[in-house]
Amino acid sequence: MTQDITISEAQQQVDHWIKTIGVRYFHQLTNMAILTEEVGELARIIARRYGEQSEKESDKNHDLGDEMADVLWVLMCLANQCDVDLTEALQKNIEKKTNRDKDRHKNNPKLNS
C-alpha cells in the first residue's frame, strides 16, 4: 500500500534522490528537452489508446500512470532547480483560473450542448 504524499514532499523526495543516487541535476535546458520527450511519449500512448490511431503492439504494455509520473518527475526536477514551490504555484494558478474563468465555461454553448 502506498502512502499519500504532498507535492512539497514529492519535490523533496526527488531532490533527495537526485543528490544521492542521480549524482546531480542535469542542466535546466537538458531537463526541458527531457520533459518535452516525456510529454511526447505520454501523448503517443494517449493518442493510440484513446484516439483514432490504432495502438501498436509495443505500446500496449506501457503503463499510462508511469508515463505521467515520468512527466511529473522531470517537472519537479525543473521546479527544484528554478526554486519554484509547486504547491504554492498550483494554488496561485487555481485561484487565477477561478477568477478569470468563473463564468466563462458555464456560458460556453460548446460545453453546454
Protein backbone atom coordinates (compact mmCIF):
# COMPACT_ATOMS: atom_id res chain seq x y z
CA MET A 1 0.00 0.00 0.00
CA THR A 2 1.37 3.39 -0.96
CA GLN A 3 1.25 6.40 1.32
CA ASP A 4 -0.11 9.70 0.06
CA ILE A 5 2.45 12.47 -0.16
CA THR A 6 2.09 16.18 -0.72
CA ILE A 7 3.53 17.94 -3.73
CA SER A 8 6.11 19.52 -1.43
CA GLU A 9 7.11 16.13 -0.06
CA ALA A 10 7.39 14.78 -3.59
CA GLN A 11 9.66 17.66 -4.58
CA GLN A 12 11.82 16.91 -1.54
CA GLN A 13 11.97 13.19 -2.40
CA VAL A 14 13.00 13.96 -5.98
CA ASP A 15 15.68 16.36 -4.71
CA HIS A 16 17.00 13.76 -2.25
CA TRP A 17 17.08 11.07 -4.97
CA ILE A 18 18.90 13.36 -7.41
CA LYS A 19 21.53 14.31 -4.82
CA THR A 20 22.11 10.77 -3.50
CA ILE A 21 21.50 8.45 -6.46
CA GLY A 22 21.41 10.67 -9.52
CA VAL A 23 24.65 12.47 -8.50
CA ARG A 24 23.42 15.90 -9.68
CA TYR A 25 20.70 17.62 -11.66
CA PHE A 26 21.04 17.82 -15.42
CA HIS A 27 21.20 21.38 -16.73
CA GLN A 28 17.79 23.08 -16.93
CA LEU A 29 17.89 23.10 -20.74
CA THR A 30 18.63 19.37 -20.76
CA ASN A 31 15.74 18.76 -18.38
CA MET A 32 13.45 20.89 -20.56
CA ALA A 33 14.34 18.69 -23.53
CA ILE A 34 13.75 15.56 -21.43
CA LEU A 35 10.38 16.95 -20.28
CA THR A 36 9.39 17.51 -23.90
CA GLU A 37 10.42 13.95 -24.74
CA GLU A 38 8.42 12.53 -21.81
CA VAL A 39 5.32 14.55 -22.75
CA GLY A 40 5.68 13.21 -26.30
CA GLU A 41 5.77 9.63 -25.02
CA LEU A 42 2.65 10.27 -22.94
CA ALA A 43 0.91 11.90 -25.92
CA ARG A 44 1.73 8.92 -28.15
CA ILE A 45 0.20 6.45 -25.69
CA ILE A 46 -2.94 8.55 -25.17
CA ALA A 47 -3.37 9.20 -28.91
CA ARG A 48 -3.16 5.49 -29.68
CA ARG A 49 -5.11 4.23 -26.70
CA TYR A 50 -7.93 6.81 -26.72
CA GLY A 51 -7.68 8.47 -30.13
CA GLU A 52 -8.26 7.30 -33.65
CA GLN A 53 -4.83 5.75 -34.18
CA SER A 54 -4.51 2.04 -33.63
CA GLU A 55 -2.31 1.06 -30.73
CA LYS A 56 0.94 -0.61 -31.71
CA GLU A 57 1.68 -3.91 -30.02
CA SER A 58 4.81 -2.36 -28.49
CA ASP A 59 2.69 0.40 -26.88
CA LYS A 60 0.10 -1.87 -25.27
CA ASN A 61 2.37 -2.70 -22.33
CA HIS A 62 3.12 0.94 -21.47
CA ASP A 63 1.73 1.94 -18.09
CA LEU A 64 -0.08 5.25 -18.53
CA GLY A 65 0.46 6.18 -14.88
CA ASP A 66 4.18 5.53 -15.20
CA GLU A 67 4.34 7.77 -18.28
CA MET A 68 2.55 10.54 -16.35
CA ALA A 69 4.91 10.05 -13.40
CA ASP A 70 7.90 10.48 -15.77
CA VAL A 71 6.48 13.87 -16.79
CA LEU A 72 5.87 14.82 -13.17
CA TRP A 73 9.38 13.72 -12.15
CA VAL A 74 11.13 15.94 -14.68
CA LEU A 75 8.78 18.84 -13.94
CA MET A 76 9.70 18.53 -10.26
CA CYS A 77 13.38 18.48 -11.16
CA LEU A 78 12.93 21.73 -13.06
CA ALA A 79 10.91 23.25 -10.23
CA ASN A 80 13.63 22.35 -7.74
CA GLN A 81 16.34 23.78 -9.97
CA CYS A 82 14.42 27.01 -10.54
CA ASP A 83 13.38 27.41 -6.88
CA VAL A 84 9.67 27.01 -7.64
CA ASP A 85 7.41 25.74 -4.88
CA LEU A 86 4.90 23.77 -6.95
CA THR A 87 2.33 23.71 -4.14
CA GLU A 88 2.30 27.49 -3.98
CA ALA A 89 2.42 27.82 -7.77
CA LEU A 90 -0.51 25.43 -8.22
CA GLN A 91 -2.60 27.19 -5.57
CA LYS A 92 -1.98 30.56 -7.25
CA ASN A 93 -2.77 29.05 -10.65
CA ILE A 94 -6.09 27.60 -9.44
CA GLU A 95 -7.00 30.99 -7.97
CA LYS A 96 -6.07 32.74 -11.22
CA LYS A 97 -8.15 30.34 -13.31
CA THR A 98 -11.09 30.57 -10.89
CA ASN A 99 -11.14 34.37 -11.03
CA ARG A 100 -10.59 34.53 -14.77
CA ASP A 101 -12.94 31.74 -15.81
CA LYS A 102 -15.65 31.72 -13.13
CA ASP A 103 -18.40 32.27 -15.74
CA ARG A 104 -16.57 31.58 -18.98
CA HIS A 105 -17.10 27.82 -19.14
CA LYS A 106 -20.66 27.96 -17.76
CA ASN A 107 -21.57 30.39 -20.55
CA ASN A 108 -19.82 28.45 -23.31
CA PRO A 109 -22.51 26.94 -25.56
CA LYS A 110 -19.98 24.41 -26.86
CA LEU A 111 -19.73 22.91 -23.36
CA ASN A 112 -23.44 23.05 -22.60
CA SER A 113 -24.84 21.20 -25.58
